[in-house]
Amino acid sequence: MFRERVAVRVSALFLGLLFALVLLSIWSVTVGSSDILLPRAWQAVVAPGDERADIVILSVRLPRVIAALAARAALAVAGAIMQAVTGNPLAEPGLLGINPGAGFAVILAISLAGVTVGGALVWAAFAGAALAALAVYLLGPAERGGATPLKLVLAGVVVSTLLGAVGTAVLLRDAQTLDVVRMWSAGSLKNREMAQVLPVLPWLGASLIAAMVVREQFTALSLGAETARGLGQNPLLWRLVSGPLS
């Protein structure tokens, strides 16, 4: 009975927060340097024209709102997965080299390959994060005893420090790349376009759905390797699965 009451309260809290998020997202589209009434904003979405309000909504505000929601959702789920993998309630994607790997790949794409298109930089960041996570998981079990949370964290610190040092060296020699990366790494939503945001959403949605489907596995992993093995789980396998999902 107690568990049922707790489940009801948690569900009610979740629905309430979700409703508040929807309201705030809608409100954020209507405010700015020039306020636009909600009916006019809705018209710009369903039946866009060539007026200033239509351009502001579709080209400036709506892409920013969608990009912000997508990024925060991805970071929240990635953080929860990292906390389960490492057994550390303060863990986040940067701890296992994922964020530094993405940033380093963006630096190389801009400085060496001359990539300036935002959509291409997104895929470069994906590739860099995946390779950095793979490097961490290869270094983690290098010593006897296999990949423990502590070894993964230490490997993540090594990979993150190395990528950060090399990336900083590149930026010190390339001021133009520094200007672009500074806005990118700060998480700025400036100049975000719908053409950059929409191609990422299916991949993000698939990752979020997959994380929800296997959430019980990560919950078991958060209890510790020994407990997870006792529940019939292969901790190493699910640590490897956590990389692509985060």
Protein backbone atom coordinates (compact mmCIF):
# COMPACT_ATOMS: atom_id res chain seq x y z
CA MET A 1 0.00 0.00 0.00
CA PHE A 2 2.82 2.37 0.89
CA ARG A 3 4.63 1.65 -2.37
CA GLU A 4 1.45 2.32 -4.32
CA ARG A 5 1.02 5.71 -2.65
CA VAL A 6 4.63 6.60 -3.39
CA ALA A 7 4.20 5.54 -7.04
CA VAL A 8 1.08 7.70 -7.34
CA ARG A 9 2.86 10.71 -5.85
CA VAL A 10 5.87 10.27 -8.11
CA SER A 11 3.63 9.96 -11.17
CA ALA A 12 1.67 13.05 -10.16
CA LEU A 13 4.89 14.99 -9.63
CA PHE A 14 6.22 13.86 -13.02
CA LEU A 15 3.03 14.88 -14.82
CA GLY A 16 2.98 18.22 -13.01
CA LEU A 17 6.58 18.98 -13.97
CA LEU A 18 5.94 17.88 -17.54
CA PHE A 19 2.92 20.19 -17.75
CA ALA A 20 4.99 23.07 -16.35
CA LEU A 21 7.74 22.36 -18.90
CA VAL A 22 5.25 22.51 -21.76
CA LEU A 23 3.80 25.80 -20.51
CA LEU A 24 7.23 27.39 -20.07
CA SER A 25 8.33 26.22 -23.52
CA ILE A 26 5.26 27.75 -25.13
CA TRP A 27 5.71 30.96 -23.15
CA SER A 28 9.39 31.22 -24.14
CA VAL A 29 8.43 31.31 -27.82
CA THR A 30 6.26 34.38 -27.28
CA VAL A 31 8.74 36.57 -25.37
CA GLY A 32 11.87 38.33 -26.50
CA SER A 33 13.01 41.70 -27.80
CA SER A 34 9.53 41.93 -29.35
CA ASP A 35 6.69 40.08 -27.66
CA ILE A 36 4.39 38.04 -29.88
CA LEU A 37 0.94 37.01 -28.74
CA LEU A 38 0.31 33.28 -28.39
CA PRO A 39 -2.37 33.11 -31.15
CA ARG A 40 0.02 34.85 -33.55
CA ALA A 41 2.85 32.48 -32.60
CA TRP A 42 0.57 29.49 -33.20
CA GLN A 43 -0.37 30.87 -36.60
CA ALA A 44 3.30 31.23 -37.49
CA VAL A 45 3.82 27.53 -36.74
CA VAL A 46 0.77 26.04 -38.47
CA ALA A 47 0.44 28.53 -41.34
CA PRO A 48 3.70 30.45 -41.72
CA GLY A 49 3.89 33.51 -43.90
CA ASP A 50 6.50 36.11 -44.81
CA GLU A 51 5.87 38.58 -42.00
CA ARG A 52 8.44 39.42 -39.35
CA ALA A 53 6.64 37.46 -36.64
CA ASP A 54 6.70 34.30 -38.76
CA ILE A 55 10.43 34.63 -39.40
CA VAL A 56 11.21 35.30 -35.73
CA ILE A 57 9.20 32.30 -34.52
CA LEU A 58 10.36 29.75 -37.10
CA SER A 59 13.95 30.86 -37.65
CA VAL A 60 15.00 32.11 -34.21
CA ARG A 61 12.86 31.15 -31.24
CA LEU A 62 11.41 27.74 -32.06
CA PRO A 63 14.77 26.16 -33.05
CA ARG A 64 16.31 27.47 -29.83
CA VAL A 65 13.52 26.03 -27.68
CA ILE A 66 13.68 22.62 -29.37
CA ALA A 67 17.50 22.55 -29.18
CA ALA A 68 17.42 23.48 -25.48
CA LEU A 69 14.85 20.80 -24.63
CA ALA A 70 16.72 18.14 -26.62
CA ALA A 71 20.11 18.99 -25.12
CA ARG A 72 18.87 19.08 -21.53
CA ALA A 73 16.97 15.81 -21.93
CA ALA A 74 20.07 14.13 -23.36
CA LEU A 75 22.32 15.48 -20.60
CA ALA A 76 19.90 14.39 -17.87
CA VAL A 77 19.65 10.82 -19.14
CA ALA A 78 23.40 10.61 -19.83
CA GLY A 79 24.12 11.83 -16.31
CA ALA A 80 21.79 9.22 -14.79
CA ILE A 81 23.50 6.46 -16.80
CA MET A 82 26.96 7.63 -15.77
CA GLN A 83 25.90 7.68 -12.12
CA ALA A 84 24.71 4.08 -12.42
CA VAL A 85 27.90 2.95 -14.18
CA THR A 86 30.31 4.58 -11.72
CA GLY A 87 28.26 4.30 -8.56
CA ASN A 88 28.88 8.02 -8.05
CA PRO A 89 25.83 10.28 -7.54
CA LEU A 90 27.87 13.25 -8.82
CA ALA A 91 28.99 11.60 -12.05
CA GLU A 92 28.30 13.21 -15.42
CA PRO A 93 29.32 12.50 -19.05
CA GLY A 94 32.53 14.52 -18.73
CA LEU A 95 33.78 12.10 -16.09
CA LEU A 96 34.24 9.27 -18.62
CA GLY A 97 35.65 11.39 -21.42
CA ILE A 98 32.43 11.70 -23.42
CA ASN A 99 32.12 15.49 -23.34
CA PRO A 100 35.88 16.11 -23.82
CA GLY A 101 35.86 13.65 -26.73
CA ALA A 102 33.01 15.51 -28.40
CA GLY A 103 34.71 18.87 -27.86
CA PHE A 104 38.04 17.62 -29.18
CA ALA A 105 36.41 16.26 -32.33
CA VAL A 106 34.70 19.61 -32.93
CA ILE A 107 38.03 21.41 -32.55
CA LEU A 108 39.70 19.13 -35.10
CA ALA A 109 36.76 19.39 -37.50
CA ILE A 110 36.92 23.18 -37.47
CA SER A 111 40.68 23.68 -37.33
CA LEU A 112 41.93 20.89 -39.61
CA ALA A 113 38.98 20.10 -41.87
CA GLY A 114 37.53 23.61 -42.07
CA VAL A 115 34.02 22.43 -41.15
CA THR A 116 31.74 25.34 -40.34
CA VAL A 117 28.29 23.85 -40.91
CA GLY A 118 26.56 23.24 -37.58
CA GLY A 119 24.97 19.98 -38.70
CA ALA A 120 28.34 18.52 -39.66
CA LEU A 121 29.80 19.56 -36.31
CA VAL A 122 27.06 17.61 -34.54
CA TRP A 123 28.13 14.38 -36.23
CA ALA A 124 31.78 15.13 -35.51
CA ALA A 125 30.87 15.54 -31.84
CA PHE A 126 29.00 12.20 -31.90
CA ALA A 127 32.02 10.44 -33.39
CA GLY A 128 34.45 12.03 -30.94
CA ALA A 129 32.31 11.13 -27.94
CA ALA A 130 32.00 7.51 -29.12
CA LEU A 131 35.74 7.13 -29.69
CA ALA A 132 36.59 8.69 -26.33
CA ALA A 133 34.14 6.39 -24.53
CA LEU A 134 35.67 3.41 -26.34
CA ALA A 135 39.15 4.48 -25.26
CA VAL A 136 38.00 4.73 -21.65
CA TYR A 137 36.48 1.26 -21.73
CA LEU A 138 39.64 -0.16 -23.28
CA LEU A 139 41.88 1.46 -20.67
CA GLY A 140 39.62 0.66 -17.72
CA PRO A 141 40.09 -3.14 -17.67
CA ALA A 142 43.72 -2.98 -18.81
CA GLU A 143 44.93 -4.06 -15.38
CA ARG A 144 44.09 -7.23 -13.48
CA GLY A 145 40.63 -7.23 -11.96
CA GLY A 146 38.64 -5.99 -14.93
CA ALA A 147 36.76 -2.75 -15.37
CA THR A 148 35.64 -1.49 -11.97
CA PRO A 149 33.90 1.89 -11.51
CA LEU A 150 37.06 3.34 -9.98
CA LYS A 151 39.22 2.20 -12.90
CA LEU A 152 36.71 3.60 -15.39
CA VAL A 153 36.73 6.96 -13.62
CA LEU A 154 40.54 7.04 -13.56
CA ALA A 155 40.67 6.09 -17.24
CA GLY A 156 38.12 8.81 -17.95
CA VAL A 157 40.24 11.39 -16.15
CA VAL A 158 43.30 10.35 -18.18
CA VAL A 159 41.47 10.51 -21.51
CA SER A 160 39.74 13.80 -20.61
CA THR A 161 43.00 15.42 -19.50
CA LEU A 162 44.83 14.32 -22.63
CA LEU A 163 42.11 15.48 -25.00
CA GLY A 164 41.72 18.74 -23.11
CA ALA A 165 45.46 19.47 -23.25
CA VAL A 166 45.77 18.73 -26.97
CA GLY A 167 42.58 20.63 -27.75
CA THR A 168 43.80 23.67 -25.80
CA ALA A 169 47.12 23.57 -27.67
CA VAL A 170 45.25 23.64 -30.99
CA LEU A 171 43.05 26.54 -29.87
CA LEU A 172 46.03 28.59 -28.71
CA ARG A 173 47.43 28.41 -32.23
CA ASP A 174 44.12 29.05 -34.00
CA ALA A 175 42.20 32.09 -32.77
CA GLN A 176 39.47 31.69 -35.39
CA THR A 177 38.66 28.17 -34.20
CA LEU A 178 38.73 29.42 -30.60
CA ASP A 179 35.96 31.93 -31.35
CA VAL A 180 33.72 29.21 -32.79
CA VAL A 181 34.48 26.56 -30.17
CA ARG A 182 33.97 29.01 -27.33
CA MET A 183 30.33 29.49 -28.30
CA TRP A 184 29.93 25.76 -28.95
CA SER A 185 31.40 24.61 -25.62
CA ALA A 186 29.46 27.22 -23.67
CA GLY A 187 26.24 25.62 -24.87
CA SER A 188 25.05 28.74 -26.64
CA LEU A 189 21.76 28.48 -28.52
CA LYS A 190 22.62 31.44 -30.71
CA ASN A 191 22.20 30.93 -34.46
CA ARG A 192 20.63 27.50 -34.06
CA GLU A 193 18.61 26.58 -37.13
CA MET A 194 15.87 24.02 -37.63
CA ALA A 195 18.02 22.30 -40.26
CA GLN A 196 20.61 21.63 -37.56
CA VAL A 197 18.15 20.50 -34.89
CA LEU A 198 15.73 18.22 -36.73
CA PRO A 199 18.27 15.65 -38.06
CA VAL A 200 19.47 14.97 -34.51
CA LEU A 201 16.04 14.42 -32.96
CA PRO A 202 15.44 10.86 -34.30
CA TRP A 203 18.80 9.69 -32.93
CA LEU A 204 18.15 11.40 -29.63
CA GLY A 205 14.64 9.96 -29.41
CA ALA A 206 15.87 6.45 -30.15
CA SER A 207 18.55 6.75 -27.45
CA LEU A 208 16.07 8.03 -24.87
CA ILE A 209 13.60 5.24 -25.65
CA ALA A 210 16.36 2.63 -25.46
CA ALA A 211 17.49 4.02 -22.10
CA MET A 212 13.95 3.78 -20.77
CA VAL A 213 13.57 0.21 -22.02
CA VAL A 214 16.75 -0.99 -20.25
CA ARG A 215 16.44 1.26 -17.19
CA GLU A 216 16.13 -1.76 -14.88
CA GLN A 217 19.55 -2.96 -16.03
CA PHE A 218 21.12 0.36 -15.08
CA THR A 219 19.28 0.33 -11.76
CA ALA A 220 20.79 -3.08 -11.02
CA LEU A 221 24.21 -1.84 -12.11
CA SER A 222 23.96 1.10 -9.70
CA LEU A 223 23.71 -1.38 -6.80
CA GLY A 224 27.29 -2.52 -7.42
CA ALA A 225 28.99 -5.14 -9.56
CA GLU A 226 28.60 -7.96 -7.05
CA THR A 227 24.90 -7.32 -6.53
CA ALA A 228 24.37 -6.99 -10.29
CA ARG A 229 26.08 -10.33 -10.87
CA GLY A 230 23.89 -11.85 -8.20
CA LEU A 231 20.86 -10.66 -10.14
CA GLY A 232 22.18 -12.41 -13.26
CA GLN A 233 23.58 -9.32 -14.98
CA ASN A 234 26.87 -8.98 -16.83
CA PRO A 235 28.21 -5.64 -15.49
CA LEU A 236 30.92 -5.32 -18.16
CA LEU A 237 28.36 -5.74 -20.96
CA TRP A 238 26.07 -3.04 -19.57
CA ARG A 239 28.96 -0.68 -18.96
CA LEU A 240 29.77 -1.03 -22.64
CA VAL A 241 26.12 -0.44 -23.56
CA SER A 242 26.07 2.71 -21.44
CA GLY A 243 28.61 4.45 -23.70
CA PRO A 244 26.48 4.71 -26.87
CA LEU A 245 23.35 5.57 -24.86
CA SER A 246 25.05 8.42 -23.02
